[in-house]
Structure formats: structure tokens, C-alpha cells
Amino acid sequence: MVIELRYFDDSGCDPCYCWKMPINEAVGLTKWWENKGMQIRRTLPVVKHKFGSVLISMFTRARVDVQGFGQYGGLKLLGYSLPRKVVEYLGALLQDRNSFFEEKNNGPHKKLFRSVTFRSTA
């Protein structure tokens, strides 16, 4: 299952930022955020911290860099550089995992793609 995140900044522009990531990487990122990421104050930079199925780096408080691992354990070539607001929103969204994944198990046509859109509030 893949999740698509679309983020509209309040800058007044119509274009949005968009990322597509496997749900296991999104869950790994949010678990890291809940356990360690929110508490980062003076420990920057965080360089190549392995947490579950993701490798996380954080050089500033505003962005989180994420790389997933492939099926054989090697790092994927492409990763994500996410604004902190996106990671916080994703964490809040995935806290209620039952309602988020309910479509996955409904009927014979399982939904393999989930799209989430949100706008910055400040």
C-alpha cells in the first residue's frame, strides 16, 4: 500500500508539494517521530539514524530526510525531504490506524493507494 501526501503551503501559490511513500515507511517515520523526533532540541544534527524500515537524518529543525530500505536490506536510491509540518500531520493521521486502514480490508477490491491532502495553517 502506498500513501500520497500533498501539502499546500500558505504562500498563496496553487502548486503543492507531493510525496508518495510505502505505508511501512510512513509508519516507521511516525514511530520515530513519536519516540525520538519530537524531543530533538540540542542533539542536531541527526545523521543516518536507523529506525525500523527507514534511515532518518535531520540537519535542521524544519526538515526531516528519510530513506527506506529495499526488500534485500539495502538503501533505496530515492528518499524524501519532508517539512516538519508534514511529519507532524502524518503522525497525527496514523495514530488512529484502524480508521486509516479500514478501506484496505473492505471487499475483494483492496485499495492499494491512499491519498491525503492538507494545507498549512500557519
PDB file of N, CA and C in Angstrom:
ATOM      1  N   MET A   1       0.850  -1.174   0.000  1.00  0.00           N
ATOM      2  CA  MET A   1       0.000   0.000   0.000  1.00  0.00           C
ATOM      3  C   MET A   1       0.893   1.235   0.000  1.00  0.00           C
ATOM      4  N   VAL A   2       0.499   2.216  -0.761  1.00  0.00           N
ATOM      5  CA  VAL A   2       1.259   3.451  -0.902  1.00  0.00           C
ATOM      6  C   VAL A   2       0.389   4.615  -0.429  1.00  0.00           C
ATOM      7  N   ILE A   3       1.002   5.566   0.248  1.00  0.00           N
ATOM      8  CA  ILE A   3       0.297   6.768   0.678  1.00  0.00           C
ATOM      9  C   ILE A   3       0.869   7.955  -0.092  1.00  0.00           C
ATOM     10  N   GLU A   4      -0.007   8.816  -0.557  1.00  0.00           N
ATOM     11  CA  GLU A   4       0.411  10.043  -1.229  1.00  0.00           C
ATOM     12  C   GLU A   4       0.089  11.212  -0.316  1.00  0.00           C
ATOM     13  N   LEU A   5       1.085  12.023  -0.049  1.00  0.00           N
ATOM     14  CA  LEU A   5       0.908  13.216   0.771  1.00  0.00           C
ATOM     15  C   LEU A   5       0.993  14.433  -0.133  1.00  0.00           C
ATOM     16  N   ARG A   6      -0.013  15.286  -0.082  1.00  0.00           N
ATOM     17  CA  ARG A   6       0.019  16.549  -0.822  1.00  0.00           C
ATOM     18  C   ARG A   6      -0.086  17.674   0.183  1.00  0.00           C
ATOM     19  N   TYR A   7       0.845  18.585   0.109  1.00  0.00           N
ATOM     20  CA  TYR A   7       0.949  19.667   1.085  1.00  0.00           C
ATOM     21  C   TYR A   7       0.858  21.012   0.370  1.00  0.00           C
ATOM     22  N   PHE A   8      -0.148  21.796   0.729  1.00  0.00           N
ATOM     23  CA  PHE A   8      -0.321  23.134   0.181  1.00  0.00           C
ATOM     24  C   PHE A   8       0.167  24.137   1.210  1.00  0.00           C
ATOM     25  N   ASP A   9       1.167  24.910   0.858  1.00  0.00           N
ATOM     26  CA  ASP A   9       1.704  25.924   1.744  1.00  0.00           C
ATOM     27  C   ASP A   9       0.785  27.145   1.691  1.00  0.00           C
ATOM     28  N   ASP A  10       0.844  28.002   2.682  1.00  0.00           N
ATOM     29  CA  ASP A  10       0.011  29.206   2.726  1.00  0.00           C
ATOM     30  C   ASP A  10       0.607  30.368   1.953  1.00  0.00           C
ATOM     31  N   SER A  11       1.539  30.097   1.078  1.00  0.00           N
ATOM     32  CA  SER A  11       2.182  31.186   0.356  1.00  0.00           C
ATOM     33  C   SER A  11       1.301  31.770  -0.736  1.00  0.00           C
ATOM     34  N   GLY A  12       0.119  31.211  -0.944  1.00  0.00           N
ATOM     35  CA  GLY A  12      -0.787  31.732  -1.948  1.00  0.00           C
ATOM     36  C   GLY A  12      -0.597  31.109  -3.316  1.00  0.00           C
ATOM     37  N   CYS A  13       0.332  30.194  -3.449  1.00  0.00           N
ATOM     38  CA  CYS A  13       0.577  29.532  -4.726  1.00  0.00           C
ATOM     39  C   CYS A  13      -0.352  28.330  -4.866  1.00  0.00           C
ATOM     40  N   ASP A  14      -0.777  28.061  -6.079  1.00  0.00           N
ATOM     41  CA  ASP A  14      -1.611  26.895  -6.327  1.00  0.00           C
ATOM     42  C   ASP A  14      -0.845  25.579  -6.302  1.00  0.00           C
ATOM     43  N   PRO A  15       0.398  25.552  -6.774  1.00  0.00           N
ATOM     44  CA  PRO A  15       1.095  24.259  -6.766  1.00  0.00           C
ATOM     45  C   PRO A  15       1.271  23.725  -5.344  1.00  0.00           C
ATOM     46  N   CYS A  16       1.373  22.420  -5.270  1.00  0.00           N
ATOM     47  CA  CYS A  16       1.563  21.798  -3.963  1.00  0.00           C
ATOM     48  C   CYS A  16       2.812  20.925  -4.001  1.00  0.00           C
ATOM     49  N   TYR A  17       3.274  20.555  -2.817  1.00  0.00           N
ATOM     50  CA  TYR A  17       4.357  19.599  -2.686  1.00  0.00           C
ATOM     51  C   TYR A  17       3.717  18.220  -2.585  1.00  0.00           C
ATOM     52  N   CYS A  18       4.329  17.223  -3.184  1.00  0.00           N
ATOM     53  CA  CYS A  18       3.711  15.904  -3.210  1.00  0.00           C
ATOM     54  C   CYS A  18       4.765  14.818  -3.017  1.00  0.00           C
ATOM     55  N   TRP A  19       4.443  13.832  -2.182  1.00  0.00           N
ATOM     56  CA  TRP A  19       5.313  12.689  -1.940  1.00  0.00           C
ATOM     57  C   TRP A  19       4.473  11.428  -1.973  1.00  0.00           C
ATOM     58  N   LYS A  20       5.039  10.347  -2.492  1.00  0.00           N
ATOM     59  CA  LYS A  20       4.412   9.025  -2.446  1.00  0.00           C
ATOM     60  C   LYS A  20       5.390   8.106  -1.730  1.00  0.00           C
ATOM     61  N   MET A  21       4.898   7.432  -0.696  1.00  0.00           N
ATOM     62  CA  MET A  21       5.774   6.527   0.051  1.00  0.00           C
ATOM     63  C   MET A  21       5.010   5.278   0.472  1.00  0.00           C
ATOM     64  N   PRO A  22       5.707   4.156   0.554  1.00  0.00           N
ATOM     65  CA  PRO A  22       5.075   2.940   1.062  1.00  0.00           C
ATOM     66  C   PRO A  22       4.606   3.159   2.501  1.00  0.00           C
ATOM     67  N   ILE A  23       3.510   2.526   2.833  1.00  0.00           N
ATOM     68  CA  ILE A  23       2.911   2.740   4.147  1.00  0.00           C
ATOM     69  C   ILE A  23       3.832   2.269   5.264  1.00  0.00           C
ATOM     70  N   ASN A  24       4.645   1.232   5.027  1.00  0.00           N
ATOM     71  CA  ASN A  24       5.552   0.771   6.092  1.00  0.00           C
ATOM     72  C   ASN A  24       6.610   1.829   6.402  1.00  0.00           C
ATOM     73  N   GLU A  25       7.043   2.595   5.392  1.00  0.00           N
ATOM     74  CA  GLU A  25       7.999   3.676   5.645  1.00  0.00           C
ATOM     75  C   GLU A  25       7.321   4.834   6.375  1.00  0.00           C
ATOM     76  N   ALA A  26       6.074   5.120   6.022  1.00  0.00           N
ATOM     77  CA  ALA A  26       5.328   6.181   6.715  1.00  0.00           C
ATOM     78  C   ALA A  26       5.123   5.818   8.184  1.00  0.00           C
ATOM     79  N   VAL A  27       4.800   4.561   8.443  1.00  0.00           N
ATOM     80  CA  VAL A  27       4.606   4.108   9.831  1.00  0.00           C
ATOM     81  C   VAL A  27       5.929   4.164  10.594  1.00  0.00           C
ATOM     82  N   GLY A  28       7.035   3.730   9.967  1.00  0.00           N
ATOM     83  CA  GLY A  28       8.346   3.807  10.616  1.00  0.00           C
ATOM     84  C   GLY A  28       8.740   5.232  10.945  1.00  0.00           C
ATOM     85  N   LEU A  29       8.471   6.151  10.023  1.00  0.00           N
ATOM     86  CA  LEU A  29       8.767   7.569  10.254  1.00  0.00           C
ATOM     87  C   LEU A  29       7.953   8.118  11.415  1.00  0.00           C
ATOM     88  N   THR A  30       6.662   7.799  11.468  1.00  0.00           N
ATOM     89  CA  THR A  30       5.831   8.333  12.551  1.00  0.00           C
ATOM     90  C   THR A  30       6.194   7.719  13.898  1.00  0.00           C
ATOM     91  N   LYS A  31       6.601   6.448  13.901  1.00  0.00           N
ATOM     92  CA  LYS A  31       7.042   5.845  15.176  1.00  0.00           C
ATOM     93  C   LYS A  31       8.304   6.527  15.682  1.00  0.00           C
ATOM     94  N   TRP A  32       9.238   6.816  14.758  1.00  0.00           N
ATOM     95  CA  TRP A  32      10.449   7.541  15.154  1.00  0.00           C
ATOM     96  C   TRP A  32      10.078   8.918  15.685  1.00  0.00           C
ATOM     97  N   TRP A  33       9.162   9.598  15.005  1.00  0.00           N
ATOM     98  CA  TRP A  33       8.760  10.945  15.407  1.00  0.00           C
ATOM     99  C   TRP A  33       8.161  10.934  16.804  1.00  0.00           C
ATOM    100  N   GLU A  34       7.305   9.956  17.084  1.00  0.00           N
ATOM    101  CA  GLU A  34       6.682   9.856  18.402  1.00  0.00           C
ATOM    102  C   GLU A  34       7.702   9.527  19.488  1.00  0.00           C
ATOM    103  N   ASN A  35       8.654   8.653  19.179  1.00  0.00           N
ATOM    104  CA  ASN A  35       9.614   8.199  20.191  1.00  0.00           C
ATOM    105  C   ASN A  35      10.791   9.143  20.395  1.00  0.00           C
ATOM    106  N   LYS A  36      11.325   9.712  19.315  1.00  0.00           N
ATOM    107  CA  LYS A  36      12.552  10.499  19.429  1.00  0.00           C
ATOM    108  C   LYS A  36      12.493  11.852  18.743  1.00  0.00           C
ATOM    109  N   GLY A  37      11.817  11.928  17.620  1.00  0.00           N
ATOM    110  CA  GLY A  37      11.858  13.127  16.788  1.00  0.00           C
ATOM    111  C   GLY A  37      11.325  14.378  17.445  1.00  0.00           C
ATOM    112  N   MET A  38      10.211  14.259  18.160  1.00  0.00           N
ATOM    113  CA  MET A  38       9.609  15.433  18.794  1.00  0.00           C
ATOM    114  C   MET A  38      10.495  16.002  19.897  1.00  0.00           C
ATOM    115  N   GLN A  39      11.362  15.183  20.459  1.00  0.00           N
ATOM    116  CA  GLN A  39      12.181  15.613  21.588  1.00  0.00           C
ATOM    117  C   GLN A  39      13.521  16.194  21.170  1.00  0.00           C
ATOM    118  N   ILE A  40      13.761  16.269  19.869  1.00  0.00           N
ATOM    119  CA  ILE A  40      15.053  16.786  19.413  1.00  0.00           C
ATOM    120  C   ILE A  40      15.123  18.282  19.672  1.00  0.00           C
ATOM    121  N   ARG A  41      16.065  18.686  20.426  1.00  0.00           N
ATOM    122  CA  ARG A  41      16.287  20.103  20.717  1.00  0.00           C
ATOM    123  C   ARG A  41      17.741  20.467  20.406  1.00  0.00           C
ATOM    124  N   ARG A  42      18.635  19.918  21.197  1.00  0.00           N
ATOM    125  CA  ARG A  42      20.051  20.275  21.076  1.00  0.00           C
ATOM    126  C   ARG A  42      20.888  19.174  20.438  1.00  0.00           C
ATOM    127  N   THR A  43      20.266  18.102  20.024  1.00  0.00           N
ATOM    128  CA  THR A  43      21.023  16.965  19.510  1.00  0.00           C
ATOM    129  C   THR A  43      21.203  16.995  17.993  1.00  0.00           C
ATOM    130  N   LEU A  44      20.870  18.108  17.369  1.00  0.00           N
ATOM    131  CA  LEU A  44      21.060  18.201  15.919  1.00  0.00           C
ATOM    132  C   LEU A  44      22.528  18.306  15.591  1.00  0.00           C
ATOM    133  N   PRO A  45      23.004  17.781  14.545  1.00  0.00           N
ATOM    134  CA  PRO A  45      22.253  17.044  13.536  1.00  0.00           C
ATOM    135  C   PRO A  45      22.079  15.570  13.909  1.00  0.00           C
ATOM    136  N   VAL A  46      21.004  14.988  13.410  1.00  0.00           N
ATOM    137  CA  VAL A  46      20.787  13.548  13.479  1.00  0.00           C
ATOM    138  C   VAL A  46      21.198  13.020  12.116  1.00  0.00           C
ATOM    139  N   VAL A  47      22.201  12.177  12.064  1.00  0.00           N
ATOM    140  CA  VAL A  47      22.725  11.704  10.784  1.00  0.00           C
ATOM    141  C   VAL A  47      22.575  10.194  10.688  1.00  0.00           C
ATOM    142  N   LYS A  48      21.829   9.767   9.707  1.00  0.00           N
ATOM    143  CA  LYS A  48      21.669   8.353   9.366  1.00  0.00           C
ATOM    144  C   LYS A  48      21.316   7.495  10.578  1.00  0.00           C
ATOM    145  N   HIS A  49      20.209   7.823  11.198  1.00  0.00           N
ATOM    146  CA  HIS A  49      19.707   7.060  12.341  1.00  0.00           C
ATOM    147  C   HIS A  49      18.732   6.013  11.813  1.00  0.00           C
ATOM    148  N   LYS A  50      19.070   4.733  11.990  1.00  0.00           N
ATOM    149  CA  LYS A  50      18.195   3.657  11.524  1.00  0.00           C
ATOM    150  C   LYS A  50      17.097   3.424  12.548  1.00  0.00           C
ATOM    151  N   PHE A  51      15.862   3.440  12.072  1.00  0.00           N
ATOM    152  CA  PHE A  51      14.719   3.199  12.948  1.00  0.00           C
ATOM    153  C   PHE A  51      13.702   2.372  12.162  1.00  0.00           C
ATOM    154  N   GLY A  52      13.630   1.100  12.447  1.00  0.00           N
ATOM    155  CA  GLY A  52      12.704   0.217  11.744  1.00  0.00           C
ATOM    156  C   GLY A  52      13.065   0.099  10.271  1.00  0.00           C
ATOM    157  N   SER A  53      12.136   0.461   9.412  1.00  0.00           N
ATOM    158  CA  SER A  53      12.330   0.299   7.974  1.00  0.00           C
ATOM    159  C   SER A  53      12.823   1.574   7.295  1.00  0.00           C
ATOM    160  N   VAL A  54      13.291   2.552   8.075  1.00  0.00           N
ATOM    161  CA  VAL A  54      13.747   3.820   7.491  1.00  0.00           C
ATOM    162  C   VAL A  54      15.082   4.266   8.087  1.00  0.00           C
ATOM    163  N   LEU A  55      15.786   5.065   7.318  1.00  0.00           N
ATOM    164  CA  LEU A  55      17.015   5.719   7.754  1.00  0.00           C
ATOM    165  C   LEU A  55      16.720   7.216   7.785  1.00  0.00           C
ATOM    166  N   ILE A  56      16.908   7.844   8.925  1.00  0.00           N
ATOM    167  CA  ILE A  56      16.469   9.227   9.118  1.00  0.00           C
ATOM    168  C   ILE A  56      17.656  10.135   9.405  1.00  0.00           C
ATOM    169  N   SER A  57      17.652  11.287   8.747  1.00  0.00           N
ATOM    170  CA  SER A  57      18.621  12.348   9.032  1.00  0.00           C
ATOM    171  C   SER A  57      17.841  13.631   9.242  1.00  0.00           C
ATOM    172  N   MET A  58      18.330  14.461  10.142  1.00  0.00           N
ATOM    173  CA  MET A  58      17.671  15.737  10.417  1.00  0.00           C
ATOM    174  C   MET A  58      18.770  16.755  10.716  1.00  0.00           C
ATOM    175  N   PHE A  59      19.002  17.646   9.773  1.00  0.00           N
ATOM    176  CA  PHE A  59      20.077  18.626   9.921  1.00  0.00           C
ATOM    177  C   PHE A  59      19.574  19.960  10.460  1.00  0.00           C
ATOM    178  N   THR A  60      18.288  20.232  10.256  1.00  0.00           N
ATOM    179  CA  THR A  60      17.649  21.427  10.818  1.00  0.00           C
ATOM    180  C   THR A  60      16.359  20.997  11.488  1.00  0.00           C
ATOM    181  N   ARG A  61      15.795  21.860  12.306  1.00  0.00           N
ATOM    182  CA  ARG A  61      14.542  21.532  12.979  1.00  0.00           C
ATOM    183  C   ARG A  61      13.353  21.601  12.032  1.00  0.00           C
ATOM    184  N   ALA A  62      13.548  22.140  10.834  1.00  0.00           N
ATOM    185  CA  ALA A  62      12.434  22.348   9.912  1.00  0.00           C
ATOM    186  C   ALA A  62      12.215  21.198   8.931  1.00  0.00           C
ATOM    187  N   ARG A  63      13.211  20.333   8.717  1.00  0.00           N
ATOM    188  CA  ARG A  63      13.100  19.283   7.699  1.00  0.00           C
ATOM    189  C   ARG A  63      13.592  17.937   8.229  1.00  0.00           C
ATOM    190  N   VAL A  64      12.959  16.886   7.725  1.00  0.00           N
ATOM    191  CA  VAL A  64      13.344  15.513   8.062  1.00  0.00           C
ATOM    192  C   VAL A  64      13.634  14.783   6.757  1.00  0.00           C
ATOM    193  N   ASP A  65      14.832  14.219   6.639  1.00  0.00           N
ATOM    194  CA  ASP A  65      15.212  13.451   5.454  1.00  0.00           C
ATOM    195  C   ASP A  65      15.050  11.965   5.759  1.00  0.00           C
ATOM    196  N   VAL A  66      14.377  11.254   4.856  1.00  0.00           N
ATOM    197  CA  VAL A  66      14.036   9.850   5.084  1.00  0.00           C
ATOM    198  C   VAL A  66      14.427   9.019   3.870  1.00  0.00           C
ATOM    199  N   GLN A  67      15.028   7.864   4.121  1.00  0.00           N
ATOM    200  CA  GLN A  67      15.301   6.878   3.084  1.00  0.00           C
ATOM    201  C   GLN A  67      14.786   5.535   3.566  1.00  0.00           C
ATOM    202  N   GLY A  68      14.149   4.801   2.676  1.00  0.00           N
ATOM    203  CA  GLY A  68      13.662   3.469   3.018  1.00  0.00           C
ATOM    204  C   GLY A  68      14.671   2.406   2.639  1.00  0.00           C
ATOM    205  N   PHE A  69      14.441   1.216   3.139  1.00  0.00           N
ATOM    206  CA  PHE A  69      15.267   0.064   2.800  1.00  0.00           C
ATOM    207  C   PHE A  69      14.529  -0.801   1.792  1.00  0.00           C
ATOM    208  N   GLY A  70      15.260  -1.356   0.831  1.00  0.00           N
ATOM    209  CA  GLY A  70      14.678  -2.241  -0.164  1.00  0.00           C
ATOM    210  C   GLY A  70      14.399  -3.616   0.424  1.00  0.00           C
ATOM    211  N   GLN A  71      13.887  -4.505  -0.405  1.00  0.00           N
ATOM    212  CA  GLN A  71      13.493  -5.821   0.085  1.00  0.00           C
ATOM    213  C   GLN A  71      14.682  -6.670   0.511  1.00  0.00           C
ATOM    214  N   TYR A  72      15.889  -6.359   0.027  1.00  0.00           N
ATOM    215  CA  TYR A  72      17.073  -7.115   0.415  1.00  0.00           C
ATOM    216  C   TYR A  72      17.915  -6.402   1.471  1.00  0.00           C
ATOM    217  N   GLY A  73      17.394  -5.339   2.037  1.00  0.00           N
ATOM    218  CA  GLY A  73      18.068  -4.649   3.134  1.00  0.00           C
ATOM    219  C   GLY A  73      18.950  -3.486   2.740  1.00  0.00           C
ATOM    220  N   GLY A  74      19.127  -3.243   1.448  1.00  0.00           N
ATOM    221  CA  GLY A  74      19.930  -2.099   1.015  1.00  0.00           C
ATOM    222  C   GLY A  74      19.090  -0.829   0.955  1.00  0.00           C
ATOM    223  N   LEU A  75      19.756   0.318   1.025  1.00  0.00           N
ATOM    224  CA  LEU A  75      19.037   1.594   0.953  1.00  0.00           C
ATOM    225  C   LEU A  75      18.487   1.844  -0.441  1.00  0.00           C
ATOM    226  N   LYS A  76      17.306   2.394  -0.503  1.00  0.00           N
ATOM    227  CA  LYS A  76      16.738   2.801  -1.780  1.00  0.00           C
ATOM    228  C   LYS A  76      17.470   4.048  -2.262  1.00  0.00           C
ATOM    229  N   LEU A  77      17.541   4.224  -3.561  1.00  0.00           N
ATOM    230  CA  LEU A  77      18.240   5.384  -4.113  1.00  0.00           C
ATOM    231  C   LEU A  77      17.526   6.688  -3.805  1.00  0.00           C
ATOM    232  N   LEU A  78      16.208   6.675  -3.895  1.00  0.00           N
ATOM    233  CA  LEU A  78      15.441   7.903  -3.676  1.00  0.00           C
ATOM    234  C   LEU A  78      14.864   7.925  -2.269  1.00  0.00           C
ATOM    235  N   GLY A  79      14.819   9.126  -1.714  1.00  0.00           N
ATOM    236  CA  GLY A  79      14.251   9.302  -0.389  1.00  0.00           C
ATOM    237  C   GLY A  79      13.318  10.501  -0.385  1.00  0.00           C
ATOM    238  N   TYR A  80      13.052  11.004   0.785  1.00  0.00           N
ATOM    239  CA  TYR A  80      12.111  12.111   0.959  1.00  0.00           C
ATOM    240  C   TYR A  80      12.753  13.161   1.848  1.00  0.00           C
ATOM    241  N   SER A  81      12.520  14.413   1.515  1.00  0.00           N
ATOM    242  CA  SER A  81      12.900  15.513   2.383  1.00  0.00           C
ATOM    243  C   SER A  81      11.608  16.221   2.750  1.00  0.00           C
ATOM    244  N   LEU A  82      11.113  15.943   3.934  1.00  0.00           N
ATOM    245  CA  LEU A  82       9.782  16.395   4.345  1.00  0.00           C
ATOM    246  C   LEU A  82       9.859  17.562   5.319  1.00  0.00           C
ATOM    247  N   PRO A  83       9.000  18.561   5.133  1.00  0.00           N
ATOM    248  CA  PRO A  83       8.898  19.605   6.149  1.00  0.00           C
ATOM    249  C   PRO A  83       8.385  19.017   7.464  1.00  0.00           C
ATOM    250  N   ARG A  84       8.784  19.609   8.551  1.00  0.00           N
ATOM    251  CA  ARG A  84       8.377  19.139   9.872  1.00  0.00           C
ATOM    252  C   ARG A  84       6.851  19.086  10.010  1.00  0.00           C
ATOM    253  N   LYS A  85       6.148  20.045   9.415  1.00  0.00           N
ATOM    254  CA  LYS A  85       4.684  20.066   9.497  1.00  0.00           C
ATOM    255  C   LYS A  85       4.063  18.823   8.878  1.00  0.00           C
ATOM    256  N   VAL A  86       4.661  18.333   7.794  1.00  0.00           N
ATOM    257  CA  VAL A  86       4.151  17.132   7.138  1.00  0.00           C
ATOM    258  C   VAL A  86       4.332  15.923   8.042  1.00  0.00           C
ATOM    259  N   VAL A  87       5.488  15.816   8.690  1.00  0.00           N
ATOM    260  CA  VAL A  87       5.752  14.690   9.586  1.00  0.00           C
ATOM    261  C   VAL A  87       4.799  14.734  10.779  1.00  0.00           C
ATOM    262  N   GLU A  88       4.574  15.908  11.337  1.00  0.00           N
ATOM    263  CA  GLU A  88       3.646  16.042  12.461  1.00  0.00           C
ATOM    264  C   GLU A  88       2.233  15.647  12.047  1.00  0.00           C
ATOM    265  N   TYR A  89       1.799  16.096  10.880  1.00  0.00           N
ATOM    266  CA  TYR A  89       0.464  15.763  10.400  1.00  0.00           C
ATOM    267  C   TYR A  89       0.338  14.268  10.134  1.00  0.00           C
ATOM    268  N   LEU A  90       1.351  13.691   9.528  1.00  0.00           N
ATOM    269  CA  LEU A  90       1.331  12.259   9.237  1.00  0.00           C
ATOM    270  C   LEU A  90       1.258  11.458  10.532  1.00  0.00           C
ATOM    271  N   GLY A  91       1.979  11.895  11.545  1.00  0.00           N
ATOM    272  CA  GLY A  91       1.918  11.224  12.839  1.00  0.00           C
ATOM    273  C   GLY A  91       0.531  11.271  13.444  1.00  0.00           C
ATOM    274  N   ALA A  92      -0.120  12.429  13.370  1.00  0.00           N
ATOM    275  CA  ALA A  92      -1.477  12.557  13.897  1.00  0.00           C
ATOM    276  C   ALA A  92      -2.450  11.706  13.091  1.00  0.00           C
ATOM    277  N   LEU A  93      -2.251  11.648  11.799  1.00  0.00           N
ATOM    278  CA  LEU A  93      -3.133  10.866  10.931  1.00  0.00           C
ATOM    279  C   LEU A  93      -3.011   9.372  11.211  1.00  0.00           C
ATOM    280  N   LEU A  94      -1.808   8.890  11.378  1.00  0.00           N
ATOM    281  CA  LEU A  94      -1.592   7.457  11.563  1.00  0.00           C
ATOM    282  C   LEU A  94      -1.785   6.995  13.004  1.00  0.00           C
ATOM    283  N   GLN A  95      -2.030   7.915  13.939  1.00  0.00           N
ATOM    284  CA  GLN A  95      -2.299   7.495  15.314  1.00  0.00           C
ATOM    285  C   GLN A  95      -3.565   6.655  15.379  1.00  0.00           C
ATOM    286  N   ASP A  96      -4.563   7.028  14.594  1.00  0.00           N
ATOM    287  CA  ASP A  96      -5.801   6.261  14.543  1.00  0.00           C
ATOM    288  C   ASP A  96      -5.709   5.317  13.348  1.00  0.00           C
ATOM    289  N   ARG A  97      -4.869   4.306  13.456  1.00  0.00           N
ATOM    290  CA  ARG A  97      -4.568   3.420  12.324  1.00  0.00           C
ATOM    291  C   ARG A  97      -5.778   2.608  11.871  1.00  0.00           C
ATOM    292  N   ASN A  98      -6.702   2.278  12.773  1.00  0.00           N
ATOM    293  CA  ASN A  98      -7.850   1.460  12.379  1.00  0.00           C
ATOM    294  C   ASN A  98      -8.717   2.170  11.351  1.00  0.00           C
ATOM    295  N   SER A  99      -9.014   3.438  11.574  1.00  0.00           N
ATOM    296  CA  SER A  99      -9.846   4.160  10.613  1.00  0.00           C
ATOM    297  C   SER A  99      -9.081   4.441   9.332  1.00  0.00           C
ATOM    298  N   PHE A 100      -7.764   4.601   9.421  1.00  0.00           N
ATOM    299  CA  PHE A 100      -6.971   4.880   8.232  1.00  0.00           C
ATOM    300  C   PHE A 100      -6.901   3.663   7.316  1.00  0.00           C
ATOM    301  N   PHE A 101      -6.813   2.469   7.902  1.00  0.00           N
ATOM    302  CA  PHE A 101      -6.658   1.258   7.105  1.00  0.00           C
ATOM    303  C   PHE A 101      -7.973   0.530   6.846  1.00  0.00           C
ATOM    304  N   GLU A 102      -9.115   1.076   7.270  1.00  0.00           N
ATOM    305  CA  GLU A 102     -10.364   0.334   7.136  1.00  0.00           C
ATOM    306  C   GLU A 102     -10.703   0.039   5.679  1.00  0.00           C
ATOM    307  N   GLU A 103     -10.336   0.931   4.750  1.00  0.00           N
ATOM    308  CA  GLU A 103     -10.638   0.700   3.346  1.00  0.00           C
ATOM    309  C   GLU A 103      -9.846  -0.473   2.784  1.00  0.00           C
ATOM    310  N   LYS A 104      -8.718  -0.780   3.371  1.00  0.00           N
ATOM    311  CA  LYS A 104      -7.847  -1.832   2.854  1.00  0.00           C
ATOM    312  C   LYS A 104      -8.538  -3.195   2.902  1.00  0.00           C
ATOM    313  N   ASN A 105      -9.353  -3.433   3.888  1.00  0.00           N
ATOM    314  CA  ASN A 105      -9.964  -4.745   4.076  1.00  0.00           C
ATOM    315  C   ASN A 105     -11.419  -4.812   3.648  1.00  0.00           C
ATOM    316  N   ASN A 106     -11.956  -3.792   3.020  1.00  0.00           N
ATOM    317  CA  ASN A 106     -13.352  -3.796   2.596  1.00  0.00           C
ATOM    318  C   ASN A 106     -13.492  -4.418   1.215  1.00  0.00           C
ATOM    319  N   GLY A 107     -14.124  -5.566   1.144  1.00  0.00           N
ATOM    320  CA  GLY A 107     -14.449  -6.182  -0.135  1.00  0.00           C
ATOM    321  C   GLY A 107     -13.271  -6.800  -0.853  1.00  0.00           C
ATOM    322  N   PRO A 108     -13.549  -7.380  -2.033  1.00  0.00           N
ATOM    323  CA  PRO A 108     -12.499  -8.066  -2.780  1.00  0.00           C
ATOM    324  C   PRO A 108     -11.518  -7.118  -3.458  1.00  0.00           C
ATOM    325  N   HIS A 109     -11.915  -5.869  -3.664  1.00  0.00           N
ATOM    326  CA  HIS A 109     -11.036  -4.908  -4.333  1.00  0.00           C
ATOM    327  C   HIS A 109     -10.323  -4.073  -3.283  1.00  0.00           C
ATOM    328  N   LYS A 110      -9.203  -4.565  -2.846  1.00  0.00           N
ATOM    329  CA  LYS A 110      -8.456  -3.850  -1.812  1.00  0.00           C
ATOM    330  C   LYS A 110      -7.840  -2.597  -2.407  1.00  0.00           C
ATOM    331  N   LYS A 111      -7.916  -1.527  -1.671  1.00  0.00           N
ATOM    332  CA  LYS A 111      -7.356  -0.262  -2.124  1.00  0.00           C
ATOM    333  C   LYS A 111      -5.859  -0.254  -1.827  1.00  0.00           C
ATOM    334  N   LEU A 112      -5.047  -0.097  -2.854  1.00  0.00           N
ATOM    335  CA  LEU A 112      -3.602  -0.147  -2.679  1.00  0.00           C
ATOM    336  C   LEU A 112      -2.973   1.235  -2.633  1.00  0.00           C
ATOM    337  N   PHE A 113      -3.789   2.260  -2.749  1.00  0.00           N
ATOM    338  CA  PHE A 113      -3.248   3.606  -2.810  1.00  0.00           C
ATOM    339  C   PHE A 113      -4.136   4.510  -1.983  1.00  0.00           C
ATOM    340  N   ARG A 114      -3.541   5.295  -1.115  1.00  0.00           N
ATOM    341  CA  ARG A 114      -4.302   6.192  -0.252  1.00  0.00           C
ATOM    342  C   ARG A 114      -3.756   7.594  -0.438  1.00  0.00           C
ATOM    343  N   SER A 115      -4.618   8.561  -0.657  1.00  0.00           N
ATOM    344  CA  SER A 115      -4.197   9.936  -0.881  1.00  0.00           C
ATOM    345  C   SER A 115      -4.649  10.813   0.280  1.00  0.00           C
ATOM    346  N   VAL A 116      -3.754  11.662   0.748  1.00  0.00           N
ATOM    347  CA  VAL A 116      -4.049  12.555   1.859  1.00  0.00           C
ATOM    348  C   VAL A 116      -3.641  13.966   1.445  1.00  0.00           C
ATOM    349  N   THR A 117      -4.534  14.920   1.614  1.00  0.00           N
ATOM    350  CA  THR A 117      -4.249  16.300   1.261  1.00  0.00           C
ATOM    351  C   THR A 117      -4.456  17.173   2.498  1.00  0.00           C
ATOM    352  N   PHE A 118      -3.554  18.102   2.731  1.00  0.00           N
ATOM    353  CA  PHE A 118      -3.734  19.042   3.830  1.00  0.00           C
ATOM    354  C   PHE A 118      -3.060  20.365   3.502  1.00  0.00           C
ATOM    355  N   ARG A 119      -3.514  21.399   4.173  1.00  0.00           N
ATOM    356  CA  ARG A 119      -2.991  22.751   3.987  1.00  0.00           C
ATOM    357  C   ARG A 119      -2.334  23.235   5.266  1.00  0.00           C
ATOM    358  N   SER A 120      -1.319  24.043   5.087  1.00  0.00           N
ATOM    359  CA  SER A 120      -0.644  24.639   6.236  1.00  0.00           C
ATOM    360  C   SER A 120      -1.565  25.645   6.889  1.00  0.00           C
ATOM    361  N   THR A 121      -1.550  25.680   8.216  1.00  0.00           N
ATOM    362  CA  THR A 121      -2.405  26.630   8.926  1.00  0.00           C
ATOM    363  C   THR A 121      -1.634  27.827   9.462  1.00  0.00           C
ATOM    364  N   ALA A 122      -0.341  27.774   9.385  1.00  0.00           N
ATOM    365  CA  ALA A 122       0.459  28.935   9.795  1.00  0.00           C
ATOM    366  C   ALA A 122       1.919  28.710   9.523  1.00  0.00           C
TER     367      ALA A 122
END
